[in-house]
Amino acid sequence: MVISLSNLTRLVDRLEAAGLVARERDSEDRRGAFAVLTPHARELRARMWKVYGRAIDELFDRHLTADETAALRASLLRVIAAARC
């Protein structure tokens, strides 16, 4: 994310207050924490997918071949894995 640490903290505070995330401590580095979706947030995300899924298809999926989609997915998974290190 391109956001300052203080703004990120305030955003997570608001999401936590709304019951959408819970902070979980990093088991390897107790100074860090992860913002984890709550069951309520997962339910909300599932309901929202009807709208967002169509938008993602319209803006992205329909313009890519199956091979391009697979390559993009693999690339993004590598970025996510690197961010977790």
Protein backbone atom coordinates (compact mmCIF):
# COMPACT_ATOMS: atom_id res chain seq x y z
CA MET A 1 0.00 0.00 0.00
CA VAL A 2 1.14 3.51 -0.66
CA ILE A 3 0.05 5.00 2.65
CA SER A 4 1.93 6.38 5.62
CA LEU A 5 2.25 4.19 8.70
CA SER A 6 0.22 6.63 10.79
CA ASN A 7 -2.60 6.71 8.24
CA LEU A 8 -2.54 2.92 8.00
CA THR A 9 -2.80 2.64 11.79
CA ARG A 10 -5.77 5.02 11.84
CA LEU A 11 -7.44 3.08 9.02
CA VAL A 12 -7.01 -0.23 10.86
CA ASP A 13 -8.32 1.44 14.03
CA ARG A 14 -11.49 2.46 12.16
CA LEU A 15 -11.91 -0.99 10.58
CA GLU A 16 -11.43 -2.61 13.98
CA ALA A 17 -13.98 -0.27 15.58
CA ALA A 18 -16.44 -1.24 12.83
CA GLY A 19 -15.91 -4.92 13.60
CA LEU A 20 -14.33 -5.66 10.22
CA VAL A 21 -10.80 -6.59 11.31
CA ALA A 22 -9.08 -7.92 14.40
CA ARG A 23 -5.41 -7.43 15.17
CA GLU A 24 -3.41 -10.62 15.58
CA ARG A 25 0.18 -10.54 16.82
CA ASP A 26 2.92 -11.87 14.56
CA SER A 27 4.11 -15.10 16.19
CA GLU A 28 7.69 -14.53 15.01
CA ASP A 29 7.98 -10.81 15.81
CA ARG A 30 5.72 -9.78 18.68
CA ARG A 31 6.20 -6.11 17.77
CA GLY A 32 4.21 -6.63 14.58
CA ALA A 33 0.58 -7.46 14.00
CA PHE A 34 -1.70 -8.52 11.17
CA ALA A 35 -5.15 -7.10 10.45
CA VAL A 36 -7.34 -10.18 9.97
CA LEU A 37 -10.84 -10.09 8.51
CA THR A 38 -13.58 -10.94 10.99
CA PRO A 39 -16.42 -13.31 10.12
CA HIS A 40 -18.66 -10.23 9.71
CA ALA A 41 -16.19 -8.77 7.17
CA ARG A 42 -16.02 -12.07 5.27
CA GLU A 43 -19.83 -12.12 5.04
CA LEU A 44 -19.88 -8.51 3.85
CA ARG A 45 -17.19 -9.26 1.26
CA ALA A 46 -19.23 -12.19 -0.08
CA ARG A 47 -22.29 -9.97 -0.47
CA MET A 48 -20.26 -7.21 -2.13
CA TRP A 49 -18.71 -9.65 -4.61
CA LYS A 50 -21.83 -9.54 -6.79
CA VAL A 51 -20.99 -5.91 -7.61
CA TYR A 52 -17.20 -6.04 -7.52
CA GLY A 53 -17.00 -9.30 -9.45
CA ARG A 54 -18.82 -7.74 -12.38
CA ALA A 55 -16.59 -4.65 -12.27
CA ILE A 56 -13.41 -6.75 -12.19
CA ASP A 57 -14.66 -8.75 -15.16
CA GLU A 58 -15.54 -5.60 -17.09
CA LEU A 59 -12.32 -3.74 -16.35
CA PHE A 60 -9.79 -6.60 -16.33
CA ASP A 61 -10.79 -10.19 -17.05
CA ARG A 62 -12.50 -9.68 -20.37
CA HIS A 63 -9.38 -7.99 -21.76
CA LEU A 64 -6.98 -10.83 -20.89
CA THR A 65 -6.49 -14.27 -22.33
CA ALA A 66 -6.48 -17.29 -20.02
CA ASP A 67 -2.67 -17.38 -20.25
CA GLU A 68 -2.39 -13.68 -19.40
CA THR A 69 -4.72 -14.12 -16.44
CA ALA A 70 -2.63 -17.04 -15.17
CA ALA A 71 0.58 -15.03 -15.56
CA LEU A 72 -0.90 -12.04 -13.74
CA ARG A 73 -2.14 -14.26 -10.93
CA ALA A 74 1.25 -15.92 -10.56
CA SER A 75 2.98 -12.53 -10.51
CA LEU A 76 0.66 -11.14 -7.84
CA LEU A 77 1.06 -14.26 -5.70
CA ARG A 78 4.85 -13.78 -5.81
CA VAL A 79 4.43 -10.16 -4.69
CA ILE A 80 2.16 -11.25 -1.83
CA ALA A 81 4.62 -13.95 -0.77
CA ALA A 82 7.50 -11.45 -0.79
CA ALA A 83 5.48 -8.99 1.30
CA ARG A 84 5.00 -11.66 3.97
CA CYS A 85 8.76 -12.23 4.39
